Amino acid sequence: MKPRQHDPLRLDMAALAADGAHLEGVWPGAELSRLSDSQTCPEDGALAAVAWSAAGERMAVTGGDAEIWLDLRASTTAWLPCQRCLQPMAWPLHVDRRLRFVRTEAEAEALDAEIEDDVLSLARALDLRELVEDELLLDLPLVPRHEGVCPRPLPVNDTLALPEGLDAESALEAANDAVAEKPNPFAVLAQLRVRKDGDPDDGVS
C-alpha cells in the first residue's frame, strides 16, 4: 500500500502516529515571524534557518485506547542583544520535546497539572510550524549575555563625573549589570513552562 503523504504544516496527529511517520525539513528563519521579530540582526547578519523533525507514535495502554505521542526536535541560531554591551550575539536554540496528545482540552489541563509529561489536546489539524515556533520562543534566554567579557563593552563617557572611589572600569561594570536586569519580552512565556525537575525554566539550554 502506498504510504500516506503528510503535510508538515497541518498535521493529522492520529494518522501520523498510526503510520509511525517521521518528517523533517528546514524552514527559512523569516517564515517564523514571531521568532524573527524577537531578534536583532547585525548589519552583516541574516536570520538563520530552522531545522526540525517530527515523529509520530502510538503506544498501547492496558485497558484503554492507544496513546498518541509526538517526538519534536528543532534547532536554529537567534540573534539576540547582549544585555551587557547591547551588541547582537548569536545564541543557539535547541528543542527536544516528547508531547502526549489526549482527546480534549479539559483532559489535557487536568493531566498537565498531575504528571510530568507535556500534554496537548488532539486537534483536527496541528500547525507544526506554530508548535515549533512556540517551543523555540520558550527556549530564548531571559537575560542573554556574552560569556565572560563582551567583545565590545559599552563606552564610558569621560565627561561624566564618577562617584567618589569608583574608577571607570568599575562604573562600566555596574552600568552593564544594571542593563542586564531588563527581561526578555518572552520571559513570561518561559516562566510558564515547568521542567521535569519542577524548577522554573530559565530559558537557557
N, C-alpha and C. Protein backbone atom coordinates (compact mmCIF):
# COMPACT_ATOMS: atom_id res chain seq x y z
N MET A 1 0.84 -1.20 0.00
CA MET A 1 0.00 0.00 0.00
C MET A 1 0.87 1.24 0.00
N LYS A 2 0.52 2.21 -0.83
CA LYS A 2 1.30 3.43 -0.93
C LYS A 2 1.18 4.23 0.37
N PRO A 3 2.32 4.68 0.96
CA PRO A 3 2.26 5.42 2.22
C PRO A 3 1.55 6.76 2.03
N ARG A 4 0.87 7.20 3.08
CA ARG A 4 0.17 8.47 3.03
C ARG A 4 1.16 9.63 3.03
N GLN A 5 0.76 10.71 2.36
CA GLN A 5 1.56 11.92 2.38
C GLN A 5 1.09 12.81 3.53
N HIS A 6 2.03 13.30 4.31
CA HIS A 6 1.69 14.14 5.46
C HIS A 6 2.16 15.57 5.20
N ASP A 7 1.26 16.52 5.34
CA ASP A 7 1.58 17.93 5.20
C ASP A 7 2.27 18.39 6.48
N PRO A 8 3.54 18.81 6.42
CA PRO A 8 4.26 19.18 7.64
C PRO A 8 3.72 20.45 8.30
N LEU A 9 2.87 21.20 7.60
CA LEU A 9 2.33 22.42 8.20
C LEU A 9 0.99 22.19 8.88
N ARG A 10 0.22 21.20 8.44
CA ARG A 10 -1.08 20.91 9.04
C ARG A 10 -1.16 19.40 9.26
N LEU A 11 -0.72 18.96 10.43
CA LEU A 11 -0.61 17.53 10.70
C LEU A 11 -1.89 16.94 11.26
N ASP A 12 -2.25 15.77 10.74
CA ASP A 12 -3.27 14.93 11.36
C ASP A 12 -2.50 14.00 12.29
N MET A 13 -2.50 14.33 13.59
CA MET A 13 -1.66 13.59 14.52
C MET A 13 -2.07 12.12 14.63
N ALA A 14 -3.37 11.84 14.56
CA ALA A 14 -3.82 10.45 14.64
C ALA A 14 -3.25 9.64 13.49
N ALA A 15 -3.29 10.19 12.28
CA ALA A 15 -2.76 9.49 11.11
C ALA A 15 -1.25 9.39 11.17
N LEU A 16 -0.59 10.47 11.60
CA LEU A 16 0.87 10.47 11.70
C LEU A 16 1.33 9.39 12.68
N ALA A 17 0.65 9.30 13.83
CA ALA A 17 1.03 8.31 14.83
C ALA A 17 0.71 6.90 14.35
N ALA A 18 -0.43 6.73 13.68
CA ALA A 18 -0.81 5.40 13.18
C ALA A 18 0.21 4.89 12.18
N ASP A 19 0.76 5.78 11.38
CA ASP A 19 1.76 5.39 10.38
C ASP A 19 3.16 5.28 10.97
N GLY A 20 3.35 5.81 12.18
CA GLY A 20 4.70 5.87 12.74
C GLY A 20 5.61 6.71 11.86
N ALA A 21 5.04 7.77 11.28
CA ALA A 21 5.76 8.56 10.28
C ALA A 21 6.81 9.47 10.93
N HIS A 22 7.87 9.70 10.16
CA HIS A 22 8.93 10.62 10.58
C HIS A 22 9.08 11.68 9.49
N LEU A 23 8.95 12.95 9.89
CA LEU A 23 9.08 14.06 8.96
C LEU A 23 10.24 14.94 9.41
N GLU A 24 10.87 15.59 8.45
CA GLU A 24 11.94 16.54 8.78
C GLU A 24 12.08 17.54 7.66
N GLY A 25 12.68 18.66 7.98
CA GLY A 25 12.87 19.68 6.96
C GLY A 25 13.57 20.90 7.51
N VAL A 26 13.62 21.95 6.70
CA VAL A 26 14.26 23.21 7.07
C VAL A 26 13.35 24.35 6.61
N TRP A 27 13.09 25.30 7.50
CA TRP A 27 12.30 26.48 7.16
C TRP A 27 13.20 27.71 7.20
N PRO A 28 13.05 28.64 6.26
CA PRO A 28 13.78 29.91 6.35
C PRO A 28 13.39 30.64 7.63
N GLY A 29 14.36 31.29 8.25
CA GLY A 29 14.10 31.96 9.51
C GLY A 29 13.01 33.01 9.42
N ALA A 30 12.88 33.68 8.27
CA ALA A 30 11.89 34.74 8.12
C ALA A 30 10.46 34.20 8.15
N GLU A 31 10.27 32.90 7.92
CA GLU A 31 8.92 32.33 7.91
C GLU A 31 8.36 32.16 9.31
N LEU A 32 9.18 32.23 10.33
CA LEU A 32 8.71 32.19 11.72
C LEU A 32 8.71 33.62 12.23
N SER A 33 7.62 34.33 11.97
CA SER A 33 7.60 35.78 12.16
C SER A 33 7.78 36.20 13.61
N ARG A 34 7.18 35.46 14.55
CA ARG A 34 7.32 35.86 15.96
C ARG A 34 8.77 35.69 16.43
N LEU A 35 9.40 34.63 15.99
CA LEU A 35 10.80 34.42 16.37
C LEU A 35 11.70 35.45 15.70
N SER A 36 11.44 35.75 14.44
CA SER A 36 12.27 36.74 13.75
C SER A 36 12.10 38.13 14.34
N ASP A 37 10.87 38.46 14.80
CA ASP A 37 10.63 39.77 15.41
C ASP A 37 11.35 39.93 16.75
N SER A 38 11.69 38.82 17.38
CA SER A 38 12.37 38.89 18.68
C SER A 38 13.88 39.03 18.53
N GLN A 39 14.38 39.04 17.29
CA GLN A 39 15.81 39.06 17.06
C GLN A 39 16.30 40.45 16.64
N THR A 40 17.60 40.67 16.84
CA THR A 40 18.26 41.90 16.41
C THR A 40 19.48 41.51 15.60
N CYS A 41 19.32 41.49 14.28
CA CYS A 41 20.43 41.06 13.42
C CYS A 41 21.47 42.16 13.27
N PRO A 42 22.74 41.79 13.23
CA PRO A 42 23.76 42.79 12.90
C PRO A 42 23.62 43.18 11.44
N GLU A 43 24.27 44.27 11.06
CA GLU A 43 24.14 44.78 9.69
C GLU A 43 24.59 43.75 8.66
N ASP A 44 25.59 42.96 8.99
CA ASP A 44 26.10 41.98 8.03
C ASP A 44 25.56 40.56 8.31
N GLY A 45 24.54 40.46 9.15
CA GLY A 45 23.99 39.16 9.52
C GLY A 45 22.68 38.87 8.82
N ALA A 46 22.18 37.65 9.01
CA ALA A 46 20.90 37.23 8.43
C ALA A 46 20.24 36.23 9.37
N LEU A 47 18.93 36.12 9.28
CA LEU A 47 18.20 35.17 10.10
C LEU A 47 18.60 33.75 9.73
N ALA A 48 18.88 32.94 10.73
CA ALA A 48 19.27 31.55 10.49
C ALA A 48 18.04 30.70 10.18
N ALA A 49 18.23 29.67 9.36
CA ALA A 49 17.16 28.73 9.06
C ALA A 49 16.87 27.86 10.28
N VAL A 50 15.69 27.27 10.30
CA VAL A 50 15.26 26.40 11.40
C VAL A 50 15.16 24.97 10.88
N ALA A 51 15.99 24.09 11.42
CA ALA A 51 15.94 22.67 11.08
C ALA A 51 15.02 21.96 12.08
N TRP A 52 14.16 21.07 11.62
CA TRP A 52 13.19 20.44 12.51
C TRP A 52 12.95 18.98 12.10
N SER A 53 12.44 18.22 13.04
CA SER A 53 12.00 16.85 12.74
C SER A 53 10.83 16.53 13.67
N ALA A 54 9.92 15.68 13.18
CA ALA A 54 8.74 15.28 13.95
C ALA A 54 8.44 13.82 13.66
N ALA A 55 8.23 13.04 14.72
CA ALA A 55 7.94 11.62 14.56
C ALA A 55 6.73 11.26 15.41
N GLY A 56 5.73 10.63 14.79
CA GLY A 56 4.53 10.22 15.50
C GLY A 56 4.62 8.79 15.97
N GLU A 57 3.90 8.49 17.06
CA GLU A 57 3.95 7.14 17.62
C GLU A 57 2.66 6.85 18.37
N ARG A 58 2.17 5.62 18.25
CA ARG A 58 1.04 5.15 19.06
C ARG A 58 1.57 4.15 20.07
N MET A 59 1.20 4.36 21.35
CA MET A 59 1.65 3.48 22.42
C MET A 59 0.42 2.81 23.04
N ALA A 60 0.45 1.48 23.07
CA ALA A 60 -0.67 0.73 23.62
C ALA A 60 -0.72 0.91 25.14
N VAL A 61 -1.94 1.05 25.66
CA VAL A 61 -2.15 1.19 27.09
C VAL A 61 -3.12 0.10 27.54
N THR A 62 -2.75 -0.62 28.57
CA THR A 62 -3.60 -1.70 29.07
C THR A 62 -4.94 -1.15 29.55
N GLY A 63 -6.03 -1.71 29.00
CA GLY A 63 -7.37 -1.31 29.43
C GLY A 63 -7.83 0.03 28.91
N GLY A 64 -7.17 0.57 27.90
CA GLY A 64 -7.59 1.86 27.36
C GLY A 64 -7.16 2.02 25.92
N ASP A 65 -7.50 3.19 25.35
CA ASP A 65 -7.12 3.48 23.97
C ASP A 65 -5.62 3.72 23.88
N ALA A 66 -5.06 3.41 22.72
CA ALA A 66 -3.64 3.67 22.50
C ALA A 66 -3.39 5.18 22.57
N GLU A 67 -2.26 5.54 23.16
CA GLU A 67 -1.91 6.95 23.31
C GLU A 67 -1.12 7.43 22.09
N ILE A 68 -1.30 8.70 21.76
CA ILE A 68 -0.61 9.31 20.62
C ILE A 68 0.49 10.23 21.15
N TRP A 69 1.68 10.06 20.62
CA TRP A 69 2.84 10.84 21.05
C TRP A 69 3.53 11.46 19.85
N LEU A 70 4.20 12.57 20.09
CA LEU A 70 4.99 13.24 19.06
C LEU A 70 6.37 13.57 19.62
N ASP A 71 7.41 13.08 18.95
CA ASP A 71 8.78 13.47 19.27
C ASP A 71 9.15 14.64 18.38
N LEU A 72 9.42 15.78 18.98
CA LEU A 72 9.65 17.02 18.25
C LEU A 72 11.06 17.54 18.54
N ARG A 73 11.78 17.85 17.48
CA ARG A 73 13.12 18.44 17.62
C ARG A 73 13.27 19.61 16.65
N ALA A 74 13.99 20.62 17.10
CA ALA A 74 14.24 21.78 16.24
C ALA A 74 15.49 22.49 16.74
N SER A 75 16.17 23.14 15.82
CA SER A 75 17.36 23.90 16.20
C SER A 75 17.57 25.06 15.23
N THR A 76 18.11 26.13 15.77
CA THR A 76 18.44 27.30 14.96
C THR A 76 19.39 28.16 15.79
N THR A 77 19.77 29.30 15.24
CA THR A 77 20.58 30.28 15.96
C THR A 77 19.85 31.61 15.89
N ALA A 78 19.65 32.23 17.05
CA ALA A 78 18.95 33.51 17.12
C ALA A 78 19.93 34.64 17.40
N TRP A 79 19.69 35.78 16.75
CA TRP A 79 20.49 36.98 17.03
C TRP A 79 19.80 37.76 18.13
N LEU A 80 20.44 37.82 19.30
CA LEU A 80 19.86 38.49 20.46
C LEU A 80 20.80 39.58 20.95
N PRO A 81 20.26 40.69 21.47
CA PRO A 81 21.13 41.75 22.01
C PRO A 81 21.66 41.36 23.38
N CYS A 82 22.97 41.36 23.51
CA CYS A 82 23.58 41.11 24.82
C CYS A 82 23.12 42.20 25.78
N GLN A 83 22.67 41.81 26.95
CA GLN A 83 22.14 42.78 27.90
C GLN A 83 23.22 43.51 28.70
N ARG A 84 24.50 43.21 28.39
CA ARG A 84 25.58 43.99 28.98
C ARG A 84 26.08 45.04 27.99
N CYS A 85 26.43 44.59 26.77
CA CYS A 85 27.04 45.52 25.82
C CYS A 85 26.06 46.00 24.75
N LEU A 86 24.86 45.39 24.68
CA LEU A 86 23.81 45.75 23.73
C LEU A 86 24.14 45.40 22.29
N GLN A 87 25.22 44.66 22.05
CA GLN A 87 25.58 44.24 20.70
C GLN A 87 24.89 42.91 20.37
N PRO A 88 24.51 42.71 19.08
CA PRO A 88 23.89 41.43 18.70
C PRO A 88 24.85 40.27 18.92
N MET A 89 24.32 39.16 19.41
CA MET A 89 25.12 37.96 19.62
C MET A 89 24.35 36.75 19.13
N ALA A 90 25.07 35.76 18.59
CA ALA A 90 24.44 34.54 18.09
C ALA A 90 24.20 33.58 19.25
N TRP A 91 22.94 33.16 19.43
CA TRP A 91 22.58 32.30 20.55
C TRP A 91 21.93 31.03 20.00
N PRO A 92 22.52 29.86 20.23
CA PRO A 92 21.93 28.62 19.72
C PRO A 92 20.66 28.25 20.48
N LEU A 93 19.64 27.83 19.75
CA LEU A 93 18.39 27.35 20.33
C LEU A 93 18.18 25.89 19.96
N HIS A 94 17.79 25.08 20.93
CA HIS A 94 17.56 23.65 20.67
C HIS A 94 16.27 23.21 21.37
N VAL A 95 15.45 22.50 20.64
CA VAL A 95 14.20 21.96 21.17
C VAL A 95 14.24 20.44 21.05
N ASP A 96 13.92 19.77 22.13
CA ASP A 96 13.82 18.30 22.14
C ASP A 96 12.67 17.95 23.08
N ARG A 97 11.48 17.80 22.51
CA ARG A 97 10.28 17.59 23.31
C ARG A 97 9.60 16.28 22.93
N ARG A 98 9.00 15.66 23.93
CA ARG A 98 8.15 14.49 23.70
C ARG A 98 6.76 14.86 24.21
N LEU A 99 5.81 14.99 23.29
CA LEU A 99 4.48 15.50 23.59
C LEU A 99 3.45 14.39 23.55
N ARG A 100 2.57 14.38 24.54
CA ARG A 100 1.49 13.41 24.62
C ARG A 100 0.17 14.09 24.24
N PHE A 101 -0.65 13.43 23.43
CA PHE A 101 -1.91 14.01 22.99
C PHE A 101 -3.09 13.27 23.61
N VAL A 102 -4.08 14.04 24.08
CA VAL A 102 -5.31 13.49 24.63
C VAL A 102 -6.49 14.10 23.88
N ARG A 103 -7.69 13.62 24.17
CA ARG A 103 -8.84 13.96 23.33
C ARG A 103 -9.33 15.39 23.52
N THR A 104 -9.34 15.92 24.73
CA THR A 104 -9.96 17.21 24.99
C THR A 104 -9.03 18.16 25.73
N GLU A 105 -9.37 19.47 25.66
CA GLU A 105 -8.61 20.49 26.38
C GLU A 105 -8.70 20.26 27.89
N ALA A 106 -9.90 19.88 28.36
CA ALA A 106 -10.08 19.66 29.80
C ALA A 106 -9.19 18.53 30.29
N GLU A 107 -9.11 17.45 29.52
CA GLU A 107 -8.25 16.32 29.89
C GLU A 107 -6.79 16.73 29.88
N ALA A 108 -6.41 17.53 28.88
CA ALA A 108 -5.03 17.99 28.79
C ALA A 108 -4.66 18.85 30.00
N GLU A 109 -5.56 19.77 30.40
CA GLU A 109 -5.29 20.63 31.55
C GLU A 109 -5.19 19.82 32.84
N ALA A 110 -6.07 18.83 32.99
CA ALA A 110 -6.05 18.02 34.20
C ALA A 110 -4.77 17.21 34.30
N LEU A 111 -4.38 16.57 33.19
CA LEU A 111 -3.17 15.75 33.19
C LEU A 111 -1.92 16.60 33.34
N ASP A 112 -1.92 17.77 32.73
CA ASP A 112 -0.74 18.64 32.78
C ASP A 112 -0.42 19.05 34.22
N ALA A 113 -1.47 19.13 35.05
CA ALA A 113 -1.27 19.50 36.45
C ALA A 113 -0.84 18.32 37.31
N GLU A 114 -1.05 17.09 36.80
CA GLU A 114 -0.80 15.90 37.61
C GLU A 114 0.49 15.16 37.25
N ILE A 115 0.89 15.21 35.96
CA ILE A 115 2.02 14.41 35.51
C ILE A 115 3.09 15.31 34.92
N GLU A 116 4.27 14.73 34.69
CA GLU A 116 5.41 15.50 34.21
C GLU A 116 5.45 15.62 32.69
N ASP A 117 4.68 14.81 31.98
CA ASP A 117 4.69 14.85 30.52
C ASP A 117 4.08 16.16 30.02
N ASP A 118 4.56 16.62 28.84
CA ASP A 118 3.92 17.73 28.15
C ASP A 118 2.68 17.19 27.45
N VAL A 119 1.51 17.76 27.76
CA VAL A 119 0.25 17.23 27.26
C VAL A 119 -0.47 18.29 26.43
N LEU A 120 -0.97 17.88 25.24
CA LEU A 120 -1.75 18.75 24.38
C LEU A 120 -3.04 18.04 23.99
N SER A 121 -4.06 18.83 23.64
CA SER A 121 -5.30 18.23 23.16
C SER A 121 -5.15 17.87 21.69
N LEU A 122 -5.89 16.85 21.28
CA LEU A 122 -5.77 16.33 19.91
C LEU A 122 -6.69 17.12 18.99
N ALA A 123 -6.14 18.11 18.33
CA ALA A 123 -6.91 18.93 17.39
C ALA A 123 -7.06 18.18 16.07
N ARG A 124 -8.02 18.63 15.27
CA ARG A 124 -8.23 18.01 13.96
C ARG A 124 -6.98 18.15 13.08
N ALA A 125 -6.33 19.29 13.17
CA ALA A 125 -5.09 19.52 12.41
C ALA A 125 -4.14 20.32 13.27
N LEU A 126 -2.92 19.84 13.42
CA LEU A 126 -1.91 20.50 14.23
C LEU A 126 -1.02 21.37 13.34
N ASP A 127 -0.88 22.62 13.70
CA ASP A 127 0.00 23.54 12.98
C ASP A 127 1.42 23.31 13.50
N LEU A 128 2.19 22.51 12.77
CA LEU A 128 3.52 22.12 13.23
C LEU A 128 4.46 23.30 13.30
N ARG A 129 4.40 24.19 12.33
CA ARG A 129 5.32 25.34 12.35
C ARG A 129 5.03 26.24 13.55
N GLU A 130 3.76 26.43 13.87
CA GLU A 130 3.42 27.23 15.05
C GLU A 130 3.91 26.56 16.33
N LEU A 131 3.76 25.23 16.39
CA LEU A 131 4.24 24.49 17.57
C LEU A 131 5.75 24.61 17.72
N VAL A 132 6.48 24.44 16.62
CA VAL A 132 7.94 24.57 16.66
C VAL A 132 8.34 25.97 17.09
N GLU A 133 7.66 26.98 16.55
CA GLU A 133 7.98 28.36 16.91
C GLU A 133 7.71 28.62 18.38
N ASP A 134 6.59 28.10 18.91
CA ASP A 134 6.29 28.25 20.33
C ASP A 134 7.42 27.69 21.19
N GLU A 135 7.88 26.50 20.82
CA GLU A 135 8.92 25.84 21.62
C GLU A 135 10.25 26.59 21.54
N LEU A 136 10.58 27.13 20.37
CA LEU A 136 11.82 27.90 20.23
C LEU A 136 11.74 29.20 21.03
N LEU A 137 10.59 29.84 21.05
CA LEU A 137 10.42 31.06 21.84
C LEU A 137 10.60 30.77 23.33
N LEU A 138 10.11 29.62 23.76
CA LEU A 138 10.27 29.24 25.16
C LEU A 138 11.72 28.94 25.50
N ASP A 139 12.54 28.66 24.50
CA ASP A 139 13.95 28.35 24.73
C ASP A 139 14.82 29.61 24.73
N LEU A 140 14.24 30.77 24.43
CA LEU A 140 15.02 32.01 24.46
C LEU A 140 15.48 32.30 25.89
N PRO A 141 16.69 32.77 26.06
CA PRO A 141 17.17 33.11 27.41
C PRO A 141 16.48 34.35 27.94
N LEU A 142 16.29 34.41 29.25
CA LEU A 142 15.68 35.59 29.86
C LEU A 142 16.61 36.80 29.78
N VAL A 143 17.90 36.57 30.03
CA VAL A 143 18.88 37.66 30.01
C VAL A 143 20.09 37.19 29.20
N PRO A 144 20.06 37.36 27.88
CA PRO A 144 21.20 36.93 27.07
C PRO A 144 22.43 37.78 27.32
N ARG A 145 23.57 37.12 27.53
CA ARG A 145 24.83 37.83 27.74
C ARG A 145 25.96 37.06 27.08
N HIS A 146 26.98 37.77 26.64
CA HIS A 146 28.21 37.11 26.21
C HIS A 146 28.82 36.36 27.38
N GLU A 147 29.42 35.23 27.09
CA GLU A 147 30.16 34.53 28.13
C GLU A 147 31.47 35.29 28.40
N GLY A 148 31.75 35.50 29.67
CA GLY A 148 32.98 36.22 30.01
C GLY A 148 32.87 37.69 29.67
N VAL A 149 33.91 38.22 29.02
CA VAL A 149 33.99 39.64 28.71
C VAL A 149 33.36 39.91 27.35
N CYS A 150 32.55 40.95 27.25
CA CYS A 150 31.94 41.32 25.98
C CYS A 150 33.03 41.80 25.02
N PRO A 151 32.93 41.44 23.72
CA PRO A 151 33.96 41.87 22.76
C PRO A 151 33.96 43.38 22.54
N ARG A 152 32.78 44.01 22.71
CA ARG A 152 32.70 45.47 22.54
C ARG A 152 31.90 46.04 23.71
N PRO A 153 32.54 46.32 24.84
CA PRO A 153 31.81 46.84 26.00
C PRO A 153 31.25 48.23 25.74
N LEU A 154 30.25 48.60 26.53
CA LEU A 154 29.67 49.93 26.41
C LEU A 154 30.73 50.99 26.67
N PRO A 155 30.77 52.06 25.85
CA PRO A 155 31.77 53.13 26.08
C PRO A 155 31.42 53.93 27.32
N VAL A 156 32.45 54.43 28.00
CA VAL A 156 32.27 55.29 29.17
C VAL A 156 32.47 56.73 28.74
N ASN A 157 31.50 57.57 29.05
CA ASN A 157 31.59 58.99 28.71
C ASN A 157 32.54 59.68 29.69
N ASP A 158 33.70 60.09 29.18
CA ASP A 158 34.73 60.68 30.05
C ASP A 158 34.28 61.99 30.68
N THR A 159 33.25 62.63 30.11
CA THR A 159 32.82 63.91 30.65
C THR A 159 31.94 63.74 31.88
N LEU A 160 31.49 62.52 32.15
CA LEU A 160 30.64 62.29 33.31
C LEU A 160 31.50 62.14 34.56
N ALA A 161 31.08 62.75 35.64
CA ALA A 161 31.79 62.64 36.91
C ALA A 161 31.45 61.30 37.54
N LEU A 162 32.50 60.56 37.94
CA LEU A 162 32.29 59.27 38.57
C LEU A 162 32.13 59.45 40.07
N PRO A 163 31.33 58.59 40.70
CA PRO A 163 31.20 58.66 42.15
C PRO A 163 32.56 58.49 42.82
N GLU A 164 32.72 59.10 43.96
CA GLU A 164 33.98 59.06 44.68
C GLU A 164 34.38 57.61 44.97
N GLY A 165 35.64 57.28 44.67
CA GLY A 165 36.15 55.94 44.95
C GLY A 165 35.79 54.92 43.89
N LEU A 166 35.18 55.32 42.77
CA LEU A 166 34.76 54.39 41.72
C LEU A 166 35.48 54.74 40.44
N ASP A 167 36.30 53.80 39.92
CA ASP A 167 37.02 54.07 38.69
C ASP A 167 36.13 53.76 37.49
N ALA A 168 36.64 54.07 36.29
CA ALA A 168 35.84 53.92 35.07
C ALA A 168 35.44 52.47 34.83
N GLU A 169 36.37 51.54 35.08
CA GLU A 169 36.08 50.13 34.84
C GLU A 169 34.97 49.63 35.76
N SER A 170 35.03 50.03 37.03
CA SER A 170 34.01 49.61 37.98
C SER A 170 32.65 50.24 37.62
N ALA A 171 32.67 51.49 37.18
CA ALA A 171 31.43 52.15 36.79
C ALA A 171 30.79 51.46 35.59
N LEU A 172 31.65 51.05 34.64
CA LEU A 172 31.15 50.36 33.46
C LEU A 172 30.52 49.02 33.84
N GLU A 173 31.17 48.30 34.73
CA GLU A 173 30.64 47.01 35.17
C GLU A 173 29.30 47.18 35.86
N ALA A 174 29.17 48.22 36.69
CA ALA A 174 27.90 48.48 37.38
C ALA A 174 26.81 48.85 36.39
N ALA A 175 27.17 49.64 35.39
CA ALA A 175 26.18 50.03 34.38
C ALA A 175 25.72 48.82 33.57
N ASN A 176 26.67 47.95 33.20
CA ASN A 176 26.32 46.76 32.43
C ASN A 176 25.41 45.83 33.22
N ASP A 177 25.68 45.69 34.52
CA ASP A 177 24.84 44.83 35.35
C ASP A 177 23.43 45.39 35.46
N ALA A 178 23.33 46.73 35.48
CA ALA A 178 22.00 47.34 35.55
C ALA A 178 21.23 47.10 34.27
N VAL A 179 21.91 47.20 33.12
CA VAL A 179 21.26 46.93 31.84
C VAL A 179 20.80 45.50 31.76
N ALA A 180 21.57 44.58 32.34
CA ALA A 180 21.26 43.15 32.26
C ALA A 180 19.97 42.78 32.98
N GLU A 181 19.47 43.67 33.83
CA GLU A 181 18.24 43.37 34.55
C GLU A 181 17.01 43.48 33.67
N LYS A 182 17.13 44.08 32.49
CA LYS A 182 15.99 44.19 31.59
C LYS A 182 15.60 42.82 31.08
N PRO A 183 14.35 42.36 31.29
CA PRO A 183 13.97 41.00 30.91
C PRO A 183 13.71 40.86 29.43
N ASN A 184 13.85 39.65 28.94
CA ASN A 184 13.48 39.32 27.57
C ASN A 184 11.97 39.42 27.42
N PRO A 185 11.44 39.94 26.29
CA PRO A 185 9.98 40.08 26.13
C PRO A 185 9.23 38.76 26.21
N PHE A 186 9.92 37.62 26.04
CA PHE A 186 9.25 36.34 26.13
C PHE A 186 9.50 35.67 27.48
N ALA A 187 9.93 36.46 28.48
CA ALA A 187 10.20 35.89 29.80
C ALA A 187 8.95 35.27 30.41
N VAL A 188 7.79 35.91 30.19
CA VAL A 188 6.56 35.38 30.77
C VAL A 188 6.25 34.00 30.21
N LEU A 189 6.46 33.83 28.90
CA LEU A 189 6.24 32.51 28.30
C LEU A 189 7.16 31.47 28.92
N ALA A 190 8.42 31.83 29.08
CA ALA A 190 9.38 30.87 29.61
C ALA A 190 9.05 30.50 31.05
N GLN A 191 8.55 31.46 31.82
CA GLN A 191 8.24 31.19 33.21
C GLN A 191 7.04 30.28 33.37
N LEU A 192 6.20 30.18 32.32
CA LEU A 192 5.02 29.32 32.40
C LEU A 192 5.38 27.85 32.23
N ARG A 193 6.54 27.57 31.62
CA ARG A 193 6.92 26.18 31.42
C ARG A 193 7.66 25.68 32.66
N VAL A 194 7.34 24.52 33.11
CA VAL A 194 8.00 23.91 34.26
C VAL A 194 8.73 22.68 33.78
N ARG A 195 10.01 22.64 34.05
CA ARG A 195 10.80 21.49 33.63
C ARG A 195 10.45 20.27 34.46
N LYS A 196 10.89 19.13 34.02
CA LYS A 196 10.52 17.88 34.67
C LYS A 196 11.06 17.78 36.09
N ASP A 197 12.10 18.58 36.41
CA ASP A 197 12.60 18.53 37.78
C ASP A 197 11.86 19.47 38.71
N GLY A 198 10.84 20.17 38.16
CA GLY A 198 10.00 21.01 38.99
C GLY A 198 10.48 22.44 39.14
N ASP A 199 11.66 22.78 38.59
CA ASP A 199 12.18 24.13 38.70
C ASP A 199 11.72 24.94 37.51
N PRO A 200 11.49 26.27 37.68
CA PRO A 200 11.11 27.12 36.55
C PRO A 200 12.16 27.10 35.47
N ASP A 201 11.72 27.09 34.23
CA ASP A 201 12.64 27.07 33.09
C ASP A 201 13.34 28.39 32.98
N ASP A 202 14.67 28.37 33.03
CA ASP A 202 15.41 29.64 32.90
C ASP A 202 15.64 30.04 31.46
N GLY A 203 15.17 29.19 30.50
CA GLY A 203 15.28 29.54 29.10
C GLY A 203 16.62 29.32 28.51
N VAL A 204 17.59 28.80 29.29
CA VAL A 204 18.94 28.59 28.77
C VAL A 204 19.18 27.13 28.57
N SER A 205 19.62 26.74 27.38
CA SER A 205 19.90 25.32 27.11
C SER A 205 21.22 24.95 27.72
